[in-house]
Amino acid sequence: MKKLDGKIAVVTGAPATSSVYSATKAAVDAVTKSLAKELGSRNIRVNSINPGVVETEGTHTAGIALGNFRKQVEAQTPLGRIGQPQDIGPAAVFFASADSAWITGETLHISGGLR
C-alpha cells in the first residue's frame, strides 16, 4: 500500500461562551486527537488552531469587534487586545510546513491568553 502524506489544520472559533458552542469546540479538539491517531500511520498530521476573538469583517458585522463589547473583551484578554488575522495565519502556515513534521493531535490556542 502506498504511504500517504498530508497535513490537516482545523481552525475553530472564538472562546466558548455557551454550552452548545463549548461542546462543539470540545468535539473538534477530540476529533483532532482521534484523527491524528488514526491517520498517523499514513503520515498525515492533524492539528487544530483555537483563536480568540479576531477582528474580521464578520466580527464587525456582528458587533463583536466594536464599542463596549470590544472593550470588555480587551479588558479580559491578558494581552489587552483583540487578535488580528496576521496573528493566526503564521500558525496555519507552521502546521502545514515541514517545521511541524513531528507535531500531530495538538490544539494551539492563539487567543492573547483569553480562554
PDB file of N, CA and C in Angstrom:
ATOM      1  N   MET A   1       0.837  -1.179   0.000  1.00  0.00           N
ATOM      2  CA  MET A   1       0.000   0.000   0.000  1.00  0.00           C
ATOM      3  C   MET A   1       0.884   1.244   0.000  1.00  0.00           C
ATOM      4  N   LYS A   2       0.528   2.212  -0.803  1.00  0.00           N
ATOM      5  CA  LYS A   2       1.287   3.447  -0.907  1.00  0.00           C
ATOM      6  C   LYS A   2       1.154   4.260   0.384  1.00  0.00           C
ATOM      7  N   LYS A   3       2.289   4.735   0.883  1.00  0.00           N
ATOM      8  CA  LYS A   3       2.264   5.561   2.090  1.00  0.00           C
ATOM      9  C   LYS A   3       1.855   6.976   1.704  1.00  0.00           C
ATOM     10  N   LEU A   4       0.872   7.488   2.379  1.00  0.00           N
ATOM     11  CA  LEU A   4       0.366   8.824   2.103  1.00  0.00           C
ATOM     12  C   LEU A   4       1.127   9.859   2.913  1.00  0.00           C
ATOM     13  N   ASP A   5       0.889  11.102   2.606  1.00  0.00           N
ATOM     14  CA  ASP A   5       1.497  12.209   3.331  1.00  0.00           C
ATOM     15  C   ASP A   5       0.509  13.362   3.291  1.00  0.00           C
ATOM     16  N   GLY A   6       0.298  14.009   4.397  1.00  0.00           N
ATOM     17  CA  GLY A   6      -0.624  15.133   4.389  1.00  0.00           C
ATOM     18  C   GLY A   6      -0.646  15.876   5.697  1.00  0.00           C
ATOM     19  N   LYS A   7      -1.290  17.011   5.648  1.00  0.00           N
ATOM     20  CA  LYS A   7      -1.410  17.858   6.826  1.00  0.00           C
ATOM     21  C   LYS A   7      -2.830  18.390   6.882  1.00  0.00           C
ATOM     22  N   ILE A   8      -3.408  18.400   8.058  1.00  0.00           N
ATOM     23  CA  ILE A   8      -4.740  18.954   8.253  1.00  0.00           C
ATOM     24  C   ILE A   8      -4.664  19.911   9.432  1.00  0.00           C
ATOM     25  N   ALA A   9      -5.074  21.148   9.214  1.00  0.00           N
ATOM     26  CA  ALA A   9      -5.162  22.123  10.305  1.00  0.00           C
ATOM     27  C   ALA A   9      -6.600  22.611  10.365  1.00  0.00           C
ATOM     28  N   VAL A  10      -7.213  22.478  11.511  1.00  0.00           N
ATOM     29  CA  VAL A  10      -8.600  22.883  11.721  1.00  0.00           C
ATOM     30  C   VAL A  10      -8.592  24.155  12.553  1.00  0.00           C
ATOM     31  N   VAL A  11      -9.349  25.154  12.132  1.00  0.00           N
ATOM     32  CA  VAL A  11      -9.454  26.386  12.909  1.00  0.00           C
ATOM     33  C   VAL A  11     -10.860  26.454  13.484  1.00  0.00           C
ATOM     34  N   THR A  12     -10.939  26.524  14.817  1.00  0.00           N
ATOM     35  CA  THR A  12     -12.241  26.657  15.469  1.00  0.00           C
ATOM     36  C   THR A  12     -12.357  28.055  16.043  1.00  0.00           C
ATOM     37  N   GLY A  13     -13.557  28.559  16.169  1.00  0.00           N
ATOM     38  CA  GLY A  13     -13.854  29.945  16.513  1.00  0.00           C
ATOM     39  C   GLY A  13     -13.307  30.497  17.801  1.00  0.00           C
ATOM     40  N   ALA A  14     -13.984  31.493  18.280  1.00  0.00           N
ATOM     41  CA  ALA A  14     -13.579  32.264  19.452  1.00  0.00           C
ATOM     42  C   ALA A  14     -13.810  31.493  20.749  1.00  0.00           C
ATOM     43  N   PRO A  15     -13.415  32.064  21.887  1.00  0.00           N
ATOM     44  CA  PRO A  15     -13.623  31.380  23.164  1.00  0.00           C
ATOM     45  C   PRO A  15     -15.083  30.971  23.368  1.00  0.00           C
ATOM     46  N   ALA A  16     -15.268  29.824  23.972  1.00  0.00           N
ATOM     47  CA  ALA A  16     -16.615  29.283  24.182  1.00  0.00           C
ATOM     48  C   ALA A  16     -17.399  30.138  25.164  1.00  0.00           C
ATOM     49  N   THR A  17     -18.629  30.461  24.785  1.00  0.00           N
ATOM     50  CA  THR A  17     -19.463  31.304  25.640  1.00  0.00           C
ATOM     51  C   THR A  17     -20.815  30.676  25.960  1.00  0.00           C
ATOM     52  N   SER A  18     -21.131  29.553  25.354  1.00  0.00           N
ATOM     53  CA  SER A  18     -22.396  28.870  25.640  1.00  0.00           C
ATOM     54  C   SER A  18     -22.144  27.374  25.702  1.00  0.00           C
ATOM     55  N   SER A  19     -23.080  26.648  26.290  1.00  0.00           N
ATOM     56  CA  SER A  19     -22.887  25.205  26.445  1.00  0.00           C
ATOM     57  C   SER A  19     -22.800  24.493  25.101  1.00  0.00           C
ATOM     58  N   VAL A  20     -23.635  24.862  24.155  1.00  0.00           N
ATOM     59  CA  VAL A  20     -23.609  24.205  22.840  1.00  0.00           C
ATOM     60  C   VAL A  20     -22.298  24.515  22.125  1.00  0.00           C
ATOM     61  N   TYR A  21     -21.898  25.779  22.150  1.00  0.00           N
ATOM     62  CA  TYR A  21     -20.648  26.171  21.489  1.00  0.00           C
ATOM     63  C   TYR A  21     -19.452  25.507  22.173  1.00  0.00           C
ATOM     64  N   SER A  22     -19.466  25.457  23.496  1.00  0.00           N
ATOM     65  CA  SER A  22     -18.387  24.794  24.239  1.00  0.00           C
ATOM     66  C   SER A  22     -18.289  23.322  23.863  1.00  0.00           C
ATOM     67  N   ALA A  23     -19.430  22.655  23.784  1.00  0.00           N
ATOM     68  CA  ALA A  23     -19.444  21.233  23.425  1.00  0.00           C
ATOM     69  C   ALA A  23     -18.924  21.021  22.010  1.00  0.00           C
ATOM     70  N   THR A  24     -19.285  21.910  21.105  1.00  0.00           N
ATOM     71  CA  THR A  24     -18.829  21.799  19.722  1.00  0.00           C
ATOM     72  C   THR A  24     -17.315  21.963  19.634  1.00  0.00           C
ATOM     73  N   LYS A  25     -16.784  22.962  20.342  1.00  0.00           N
ATOM     74  CA  LYS A  25     -15.330  23.167  20.335  1.00  0.00           C
ATOM     75  C   LYS A  25     -14.604  21.967  20.940  1.00  0.00           C
ATOM     76  N   ALA A  26     -15.137  21.431  22.021  1.00  0.00           N
ATOM     77  CA  ALA A  26     -14.524  20.255  22.649  1.00  0.00           C
ATOM     78  C   ALA A  26     -14.560  19.066  21.696  1.00  0.00           C
ATOM     79  N   ALA A  27     -15.640  18.941  20.946  1.00  0.00           N
ATOM     80  CA  ALA A  27     -15.749  17.847  19.975  1.00  0.00           C
ATOM     81  C   ALA A  27     -14.700  17.982  18.880  1.00  0.00           C
ATOM     82  N   VAL A  28     -14.477  19.195  18.395  1.00  0.00           N
ATOM     83  CA  VAL A  28     -13.454  19.402  17.360  1.00  0.00           C
ATOM     84  C   VAL A  28     -12.079  19.038  17.907  1.00  0.00           C
ATOM     85  N   ASP A  29     -11.790  19.431  19.133  1.00  0.00           N
ATOM     86  CA  ASP A  29     -10.500  19.084  19.738  1.00  0.00           C
ATOM     87  C   ASP A  29     -10.358  17.572  19.883  1.00  0.00           C
ATOM     88  N   ALA A  30     -11.432  16.892  20.279  1.00  0.00           N
ATOM     89  CA  ALA A  30     -11.395  15.431  20.428  1.00  0.00           C
ATOM     90  C   ALA A  30     -11.223  14.744  19.079  1.00  0.00           C
ATOM     91  N   VAL A  31     -11.919  15.229  18.065  1.00  0.00           N
ATOM     92  CA  VAL A  31     -11.780  14.651  16.723  1.00  0.00           C
ATOM     93  C   VAL A  31     -10.363  14.876  16.198  1.00  0.00           C
ATOM     94  N   THR A  32      -9.782  16.027  16.500  1.00  0.00           N
ATOM     95  CA  THR A  32      -8.400  16.298  16.088  1.00  0.00           C
ATOM     96  C   THR A  32      -7.469  15.225  16.643  1.00  0.00           C
ATOM     97  N   LYS A  33      -7.591  14.935  17.928  1.00  0.00           N
ATOM     98  CA  LYS A  33      -6.742  13.907  18.551  1.00  0.00           C
ATOM     99  C   LYS A  33      -7.020  12.524  17.965  1.00  0.00           C
ATOM    100  N   SER A  34      -8.287  12.195  17.775  1.00  0.00           N
ATOM    101  CA  SER A  34      -8.647  10.878  17.234  1.00  0.00           C
ATOM    102  C   SER A  34      -8.143  10.701  15.807  1.00  0.00           C
ATOM    103  N   LEU A  35      -8.346  11.712  14.971  1.00  0.00           N
ATOM    104  CA  LEU A  35      -7.873  11.615  13.587  1.00  0.00           C
ATOM    105  C   LEU A  35      -6.354  11.536  13.519  1.00  0.00           C
ATOM    106  N   ALA A  36      -5.684  12.261  14.416  1.00  0.00           N
ATOM    107  CA  ALA A  36      -4.219  12.197  14.437  1.00  0.00           C
ATOM    108  C   ALA A  36      -3.757  10.765  14.693  1.00  0.00           C
ATOM    109  N   LYS A  37      -4.422  10.078  15.616  1.00  0.00           N
ATOM    110  CA  LYS A  37      -4.067   8.681  15.904  1.00  0.00           C
ATOM    111  C   LYS A  37      -4.401   7.775  14.726  1.00  0.00           C
ATOM    112  N   GLU A  38      -5.563   7.968  14.129  1.00  0.00           N
ATOM    113  CA  GLU A  38      -5.992   7.119  13.023  1.00  0.00           C
ATOM    114  C   GLU A  38      -5.155   7.319  11.761  1.00  0.00           C
ATOM    115  N   LEU A  39      -4.748   8.547  11.493  1.00  0.00           N
ATOM    116  CA  LEU A  39      -4.075   8.853  10.237  1.00  0.00           C
ATOM    117  C   LEU A  39      -2.558   8.923  10.346  1.00  0.00           C
ATOM    118  N   GLY A  40      -2.034   8.865  11.560  1.00  0.00           N
ATOM    119  CA  GLY A  40      -0.590   8.966  11.759  1.00  0.00           C
ATOM    120  C   GLY A  40       0.201   7.922  10.995  1.00  0.00           C
ATOM    121  N   SER A  41      -0.302   6.697  10.922  1.00  0.00           N
ATOM    122  CA  SER A  41       0.423   5.634  10.214  1.00  0.00           C
ATOM    123  C   SER A  41       0.528   5.914   8.718  1.00  0.00           C
ATOM    124  N   ARG A  42      -0.286   6.818   8.225  1.00  0.00           N
ATOM    125  CA  ARG A  42      -0.229   7.215   6.811  1.00  0.00           C
ATOM    126  C   ARG A  42       0.550   8.516   6.627  1.00  0.00           C
ATOM    127  N   ASN A  43       1.202   8.947   7.700  1.00  0.00           N
ATOM    128  CA  ASN A  43       2.000  10.172   7.695  1.00  0.00           C
ATOM    129  C   ASN A  43       1.141  11.416   7.442  1.00  0.00           C
ATOM    130  N   ILE A  44      -0.094  11.363   7.917  1.00  0.00           N
ATOM    131  CA  ILE A  44      -0.982  12.520   7.835  1.00  0.00           C
ATOM    132  C   ILE A  44      -1.107  13.091   9.240  1.00  0.00           C
ATOM    133  N   ARG A  45      -0.746  14.361   9.365  1.00  0.00           N
ATOM    134  CA  ARG A  45      -0.797  15.037  10.660  1.00  0.00           C
ATOM    135  C   ARG A  45      -2.071  15.865  10.760  1.00  0.00           C
ATOM    136  N   VAL A  46      -2.677  15.874  11.940  1.00  0.00           N
ATOM    137  CA  VAL A  46      -3.913  16.625  12.172  1.00  0.00           C
ATOM    138  C   VAL A  46      -3.728  17.474  13.426  1.00  0.00           C
ATOM    139  N   ASN A  47      -3.896  18.772  13.283  1.00  0.00           N
ATOM    140  CA  ASN A  47      -3.782  19.704  14.399  1.00  0.00           C
ATOM    141  C   ASN A  47      -4.912  20.714  14.298  1.00  0.00           C
ATOM    142  N   SER A  48      -5.195  21.394  15.398  1.00  0.00           N
ATOM    143  CA  SER A  48      -6.231  22.426  15.346  1.00  0.00           C
ATOM    144  C   SER A  48      -5.725  23.725  15.956  1.00  0.00           C
ATOM    145  N   ILE A  49      -6.317  24.798  15.498  1.00  0.00           N
ATOM    146  CA  ILE A  49      -5.999  26.135  15.982  1.00  0.00           C
ATOM    147  C   ILE A  49      -7.271  26.704  16.594  1.00  0.00           C
ATOM    148  N   ASN A  50      -7.193  27.119  17.845  1.00  0.00           N
ATOM    149  CA  ASN A  50      -8.329  27.743  18.529  1.00  0.00           C
ATOM    150  C   ASN A  50      -8.010  29.223  18.749  1.00  0.00           C
ATOM    151  N   PRO A  51      -8.463  30.080  17.846  1.00  0.00           N
ATOM    152  CA  PRO A  51      -8.188  31.507  18.027  1.00  0.00           C
ATOM    153  C   PRO A  51      -9.139  32.141  19.028  1.00  0.00           C
ATOM    154  N   GLY A  52      -8.696  33.217  19.603  1.00  0.00           N
ATOM    155  CA  GLY A  52      -9.593  34.030  20.416  1.00  0.00           C
ATOM    156  C   GLY A  52     -10.415  34.911  19.489  1.00  0.00           C
ATOM    157  N   VAL A  53     -10.901  36.018  20.010  1.00  0.00           N
ATOM    158  CA  VAL A  53     -11.663  36.948  19.177  1.00  0.00           C
ATOM    159  C   VAL A  53     -10.691  37.620  18.213  1.00  0.00           C
ATOM    160  N   VAL A  54     -10.989  37.509  16.930  1.00  0.00           N
ATOM    161  CA  VAL A  54     -10.134  38.074  15.883  1.00  0.00           C
ATOM    162  C   VAL A  54     -10.944  39.109  15.114  1.00  0.00           C
ATOM    163  N   GLU A  55     -10.334  40.260  14.889  1.00  0.00           N
ATOM    164  CA  GLU A  55     -11.019  41.340  14.171  1.00  0.00           C
ATOM    165  C   GLU A  55     -11.098  41.006  12.683  1.00  0.00           C
ATOM    166  N   THR A  56     -12.313  40.777  12.219  1.00  0.00           N
ATOM    167  CA  THR A  56     -12.561  40.467  10.807  1.00  0.00           C
ATOM    168  C   THR A  56     -13.817  41.215  10.373  1.00  0.00           C
ATOM    169  N   GLU A  57     -14.124  41.128   9.103  1.00  0.00           N
ATOM    170  CA  GLU A  57     -15.366  41.718   8.611  1.00  0.00           C
ATOM    171  C   GLU A  57     -16.562  41.111   9.352  1.00  0.00           C
ATOM    172  N   GLY A  58     -16.490  39.808   9.608  1.00  0.00           N
ATOM    173  CA  GLY A  58     -17.578  39.123  10.311  1.00  0.00           C
ATOM    174  C   GLY A  58     -17.764  39.609  11.736  1.00  0.00           C
ATOM    175  N   THR A  59     -16.662  39.834  12.456  1.00  0.00           N
ATOM    176  CA  THR A  59     -16.808  40.314  13.834  1.00  0.00           C
ATOM    177  C   THR A  59     -17.297  41.756  13.862  1.00  0.00           C
ATOM    178  N   HIS A  60     -16.964  42.533  12.824  1.00  0.00           N
ATOM    179  CA  HIS A  60     -17.507  43.895  12.743  1.00  0.00           C
ATOM    180  C   HIS A  60     -19.005  43.851  12.458  1.00  0.00           C
ATOM    181  N   THR A  61     -19.409  43.005  11.512  1.00  0.00           N
ATOM    182  CA  THR A  61     -20.826  42.877  11.172  1.00  0.00           C
ATOM    183  C   THR A  61     -21.640  42.436  12.385  1.00  0.00           C
ATOM    184  N   ALA A  62     -21.079  41.518  13.172  1.00  0.00           N
ATOM    185  CA  ALA A  62     -21.776  41.010  14.360  1.00  0.00           C
ATOM    186  C   ALA A  62     -21.681  41.962  15.551  1.00  0.00           C
ATOM    187  N   GLY A  63     -20.879  43.017  15.423  1.00  0.00           N
ATOM    188  CA  GLY A  63     -20.724  43.970  16.512  1.00  0.00           C
ATOM    189  C   GLY A  63     -19.750  43.530  17.588  1.00  0.00           C
ATOM    190  N   ILE A  64     -19.059  42.414  17.348  1.00  0.00           N
ATOM    191  CA  ILE A  64     -18.153  41.864  18.357  1.00  0.00           C
ATOM    192  C   ILE A  64     -16.888  42.699  18.498  1.00  0.00           C
ATOM    193  N   ALA A  65     -16.405  43.257  17.404  1.00  0.00           N
ATOM    194  CA  ALA A  65     -15.141  43.990  17.444  1.00  0.00           C
ATOM    195  C   ALA A  65     -15.360  45.492  17.581  1.00  0.00           C
ATOM    196  N   LEU A  66     -16.537  45.873  18.042  1.00  0.00           N
ATOM    197  CA  LEU A  66     -16.868  47.293  18.127  1.00  0.00           C
ATOM    198  C   LEU A  66     -17.320  47.682  19.532  1.00  0.00           C
ATOM    199  N   GLY A  67     -17.156  48.933  19.854  1.00  0.00           N
ATOM    200  CA  GLY A  67     -17.747  49.535  21.047  1.00  0.00           C
ATOM    201  C   GLY A  67     -17.446  48.871  22.374  1.00  0.00           C
ATOM    202  N   ASN A  68     -18.484  48.819  23.216  1.00  0.00           N
ATOM    203  CA  ASN A  68     -18.324  48.318  24.580  1.00  0.00           C
ATOM    204  C   ASN A  68     -17.944  46.847  24.634  1.00  0.00           C
ATOM    205  N   PHE A  69     -18.497  46.043  23.729  1.00  0.00           N
ATOM    206  CA  PHE A  69     -18.156  44.617  23.741  1.00  0.00           C
ATOM    207  C   PHE A  69     -16.663  44.439  23.483  1.00  0.00           C
ATOM    208  N   ARG A  70     -16.133  45.187  22.539  1.00  0.00           N
ATOM    209  CA  ARG A  70     -14.698  45.120  22.250  1.00  0.00           C
ATOM    210  C   ARG A  70     -13.896  45.495  23.496  1.00  0.00           C
ATOM    211  N   LYS A  71     -14.307  46.555  24.163  1.00  0.00           N
ATOM    212  CA  LYS A  71     -13.602  46.997  25.373  1.00  0.00           C
ATOM    213  C   LYS A  71     -13.624  45.916  26.447  1.00  0.00           C
ATOM    214  N   GLN A  72     -14.767  45.231  26.584  1.00  0.00           N
ATOM    215  CA  GLN A  72     -14.869  44.135  27.562  1.00  0.00           C
ATOM    216  C   GLN A  72     -13.908  43.001  27.217  1.00  0.00           C
ATOM    217  N   VAL A  73     -13.889  42.621  25.945  1.00  0.00           N
ATOM    218  CA  VAL A  73     -13.006  41.529  25.516  1.00  0.00           C
ATOM    219  C   VAL A  73     -11.553  41.918  25.736  1.00  0.00           C
ATOM    220  N   GLU A  74     -11.197  43.130  25.354  1.00  0.00           N
ATOM    221  CA  GLU A  74      -9.816  43.586  25.535  1.00  0.00           C
ATOM    222  C   GLU A  74      -9.436  43.621  27.018  1.00  0.00           C
ATOM    223  N   ALA A  75     -10.371  44.012  27.872  1.00  0.00           N
ATOM    224  CA  ALA A  75     -10.101  44.055  29.314  1.00  0.00           C
ATOM    225  C   ALA A  75      -9.900  42.661  29.895  1.00  0.00           C
ATOM    226  N   GLN A  76     -10.571  41.654  29.334  1.00  0.00           N
ATOM    227  CA  GLN A  76     -10.459  40.279  29.829  1.00  0.00           C
ATOM    228  C   GLN A  76      -9.277  39.525  29.224  1.00  0.00           C
ATOM    229  N   THR A  77      -8.731  40.047  28.141  1.00  0.00           N
ATOM    230  CA  THR A  77      -7.638  39.373  27.444  1.00  0.00           C
ATOM    231  C   THR A  77      -6.308  39.804  28.057  1.00  0.00           C
ATOM    232  N   PRO A  78      -5.503  38.863  28.561  1.00  0.00           N
ATOM    233  CA  PRO A  78      -4.244  39.232  29.189  1.00  0.00           C
ATOM    234  C   PRO A  78      -3.335  40.126  28.331  1.00  0.00           C
ATOM    235  N   LEU A  79      -3.343  39.936  27.013  1.00  0.00           N
ATOM    236  CA  LEU A  79      -2.517  40.800  26.164  1.00  0.00           C
ATOM    237  C   LEU A  79      -3.216  42.104  25.799  1.00  0.00           C
ATOM    238  N   GLY A  80      -4.461  42.287  26.255  1.00  0.00           N
ATOM    239  CA  GLY A  80      -5.135  43.569  26.170  1.00  0.00           C
ATOM    240  C   GLY A  80      -5.626  44.007  24.805  1.00  0.00           C
ATOM    241  N   ARG A  81      -5.778  43.081  23.876  1.00  0.00           N
ATOM    242  CA  ARG A  81      -6.267  43.477  22.556  1.00  0.00           C
ATOM    243  C   ARG A  81      -6.992  42.322  21.884  1.00  0.00           C
ATOM    244  N   ILE A  82      -7.755  42.666  20.854  1.00  0.00           N
ATOM    245  CA  ILE A  82      -8.399  41.667  20.002  1.00  0.00           C
ATOM    246  C   ILE A  82      -7.372  41.232  18.965  1.00  0.00           C
ATOM    247  N   GLY A  83      -7.412  39.971  18.606  1.00  0.00           N
ATOM    248  CA  GLY A  83      -6.471  39.451  17.630  1.00  0.00           C
ATOM    249  C   GLY A  83      -6.717  39.980  16.227  1.00  0.00           C
ATOM    250  N   GLN A  84      -5.695  39.857  15.413  1.00  0.00           N
ATOM    251  CA  GLN A  84      -5.756  40.241  14.008  1.00  0.00           C
ATOM    252  C   GLN A  84      -5.511  38.991  13.162  1.00  0.00           C
ATOM    253  N   PRO A  85      -6.012  38.970  11.933  1.00  0.00           N
ATOM    254  CA  PRO A  85      -5.790  37.788  11.090  1.00  0.00           C
ATOM    255  C   PRO A  85      -4.316  37.385  10.994  1.00  0.00           C
ATOM    256  N   GLN A  86      -3.431  38.360  10.971  1.00  0.00           N
ATOM    257  CA  GLN A  86      -1.998  38.046  10.868  1.00  0.00           C
ATOM    258  C   GLN A  86      -1.454  37.376  12.133  1.00  0.00           C
ATOM    259  N   ASP A  87      -2.222  37.386  13.219  1.00  0.00           N
ATOM    260  CA  ASP A  87      -1.832  36.641  14.423  1.00  0.00           C
ATOM    261  C   ASP A  87      -2.091  35.148  14.251  1.00  0.00           C
ATOM    262  N   ILE A  88      -3.044  34.783  13.407  1.00  0.00           N
ATOM    263  CA  ILE A  88      -3.459  33.395  13.242  1.00  0.00           C
ATOM    264  C   ILE A  88      -2.755  32.727  12.066  1.00  0.00           C
ATOM    265  N   GLY A  89      -2.601  33.448  10.974  1.00  0.00           N
ATOM    266  CA  GLY A  89      -2.041  32.890   9.740  1.00  0.00           C
ATOM    267  C   GLY A  89      -0.720  32.152   9.904  1.00  0.00           C
ATOM    268  N   PRO A  90       0.253  32.712  10.610  1.00  0.00           N
ATOM    269  CA  PRO A  90       1.534  32.008  10.747  1.00  0.00           C
ATOM    270  C   PRO A  90       1.418  30.628  11.398  1.00  0.00           C
ATOM    271  N   ALA A  91       0.465  30.455  12.296  1.00  0.00           N
ATOM    272  CA  ALA A  91       0.285  29.136  12.923  1.00  0.00           C
ATOM    273  C   ALA A  91      -0.198  28.119  11.900  1.00  0.00           C
ATOM    274  N   ALA A  92      -1.118  28.531  11.038  1.00  0.00           N
ATOM    275  CA  ALA A  92      -1.604  27.629   9.989  1.00  0.00           C
ATOM    276  C   ALA A  92      -0.476  27.274   9.028  1.00  0.00           C
ATOM    277  N   VAL A  93       0.336  28.258   8.681  1.00  0.00           N
ATOM    278  CA  VAL A  93       1.485  28.002   7.802  1.00  0.00           C
ATOM    279  C   VAL A  93       2.461  27.051   8.487  1.00  0.00           C
ATOM    280  N   PHE A  94       2.702  27.266   9.780  1.00  0.00           N
ATOM    281  CA  PHE A  94       3.592  26.384  10.535  1.00  0.00           C
ATOM    282  C   PHE A  94       3.091  24.946  10.513  1.00  0.00           C
ATOM    283  N   PHE A  95       1.804  24.743  10.806  1.00  0.00           N
ATOM    284  CA  PHE A  95       1.251  23.386  10.810  1.00  0.00           C
ATOM    285  C   PHE A  95       1.328  22.738   9.430  1.00  0.00           C
ATOM    286  N   ALA A  96       1.295  23.535   8.376  1.00  0.00           N
ATOM    287  CA  ALA A  96       1.372  22.992   7.012  1.00  0.00           C
ATOM    288  C   ALA A  96       2.812  22.768   6.552  1.00  0.00           C
ATOM    289  N   SER A  97       3.774  23.235   7.328  1.00  0.00           N
ATOM    290  CA  SER A  97       5.174  23.171   6.906  1.00  0.00           C
ATOM    291  C   SER A  97       5.904  21.963   7.491  1.00  0.00           C
ATOM    292  N   ALA A  98       7.086  21.729   6.953  1.00  0.00           N
ATOM    293  CA  ALA A  98       7.946  20.656   7.457  1.00  0.00           C
ATOM    294  C   ALA A  98       8.468  20.971   8.859  1.00  0.00           C
ATOM    295  N   ASP A  99       8.414  22.228   9.275  1.00  0.00           N
ATOM    296  CA  ASP A  99       8.872  22.603  10.616  1.00  0.00           C
ATOM    297  C   ASP A  99       8.035  21.953  11.719  1.00  0.00           C
ATOM    298  N   SER A 100       6.830  21.509  11.375  1.00  0.00           N
ATOM    299  CA  SER A 100       5.965  20.858  12.365  1.00  0.00           C
ATOM    300  C   SER A 100       5.818  19.366  12.070  1.00  0.00           C
ATOM    301  N   ALA A 101       6.818  18.796  11.419  1.00  0.00           N
ATOM    302  CA  ALA A 101       6.732  17.408  10.946  1.00  0.00           C
ATOM    303  C   ALA A 101       6.494  16.387  12.057  1.00  0.00           C
ATOM    304  N   TRP A 102       6.817  16.714  13.290  1.00  0.00           N
ATOM    305  CA  TRP A 102       6.643  15.751  14.380  1.00  0.00           C
ATOM    306  C   TRP A 102       5.580  16.224  15.365  1.00  0.00           C
ATOM    307  N   ILE A 103       4.648  17.012  14.878  1.00  0.00           N
ATOM    308  CA  ILE A 103       3.556  17.512  15.707  1.00  0.00           C
ATOM    309  C   ILE A 103       2.244  17.027  15.106  1.00  0.00           C
ATOM    310  N   THR A 104       1.457  16.335  15.902  1.00  0.00           N
ATOM    311  CA  THR A 104       0.128  15.906  15.472  1.00  0.00           C
ATOM    312  C   THR A 104      -0.767  15.718  16.688  1.00  0.00           C
ATOM    313  N   GLY A 105      -2.047  15.937  16.489  1.00  0.00           N
ATOM    314  CA  GLY A 105      -3.011  15.767  17.574  1.00  0.00           C
ATOM    315  C   GLY A 105      -3.018  16.905  18.571  1.00  0.00           C
ATOM    316  N   GLU A 106      -2.463  18.035  18.197  1.00  0.00           N
ATOM    317  CA  GLU A 106      -2.338  19.155  19.133  1.00  0.00           C
ATOM    318  C   GLU A 106      -3.326  20.269  18.819  1.00  0.00           C
ATOM    319  N   THR A 107      -3.674  21.010  19.850  1.00  0.00           N
ATOM    320  CA  THR A 107      -4.522  22.184  19.717  1.00  0.00           C
ATOM    321  C   THR A 107      -3.718  23.387  20.180  1.00  0.00           C
ATOM    322  N   LEU A 108      -3.586  24.366  19.309  1.00  0.00           N
ATOM    323  CA  LEU A 108      -2.845  25.581  19.627  1.00  0.00           C
ATOM    324  C   LEU A 108      -3.845  26.707  19.884  1.00  0.00           C
ATOM    325  N   HIS A 109      -3.791  27.268  21.081  1.00  0.00           N
ATOM    326  CA  HIS A 109      -4.674  28.376  21.444  1.00  0.00           C
ATOM    327  C   HIS A 109      -3.951  29.682  21.134  1.00  0.00           C
ATOM    328  N   ILE A 110      -4.497  30.439  20.194  1.00  0.00           N
ATOM    329  CA  ILE A 110      -3.934  31.744  19.840  1.00  0.00           C
ATOM    330  C   ILE A 110      -4.999  32.760  20.210  1.00  0.00           C
ATOM    331  N   SER A 111      -4.930  33.209  21.440  1.00  0.00           N
ATOM    332  CA  SER A 111      -6.058  33.967  21.987  1.00  0.00           C
ATOM    333  C   SER A 111      -5.643  35.164  22.829  1.00  0.00           C
ATOM    334  N   GLY A 112      -4.392  35.514  22.800  1.00  0.00           N
ATOM    335  CA  GLY A 112      -3.944  36.599  23.660  1.00  0.00           C
ATOM    336  C   GLY A 112      -4.033  36.251  25.136  1.00  0.00           C
ATOM    337  N   GLY A 113      -4.203  34.956  25.416  1.00  0.00           N
ATOM    338  CA  GLY A 113      -4.301  34.485  26.793  1.00  0.00           C
ATOM    339  C   GLY A 113      -5.726  34.303  27.291  1.00  0.00           C
ATOM    340  N   LEU A 114      -6.732  34.702  26.499  1.00  0.00           N
ATOM    341  CA  LEU A 114      -8.138  34.558  26.901  1.00  0.00           C
ATOM    342  C   LEU A 114      -8.617  33.151  26.588  1.00  0.00           C
ATOM    343  N   ARG A 115      -9.160  32.472  27.576  1.00  0.00           N
ATOM    344  CA  ARG A 115      -9.685  31.123  27.351  1.00  0.00           C
ATOM    345  C   ARG A 115     -11.051  31.012  27.945  1.00  0.00           C
TER     346      ARG A 115
END
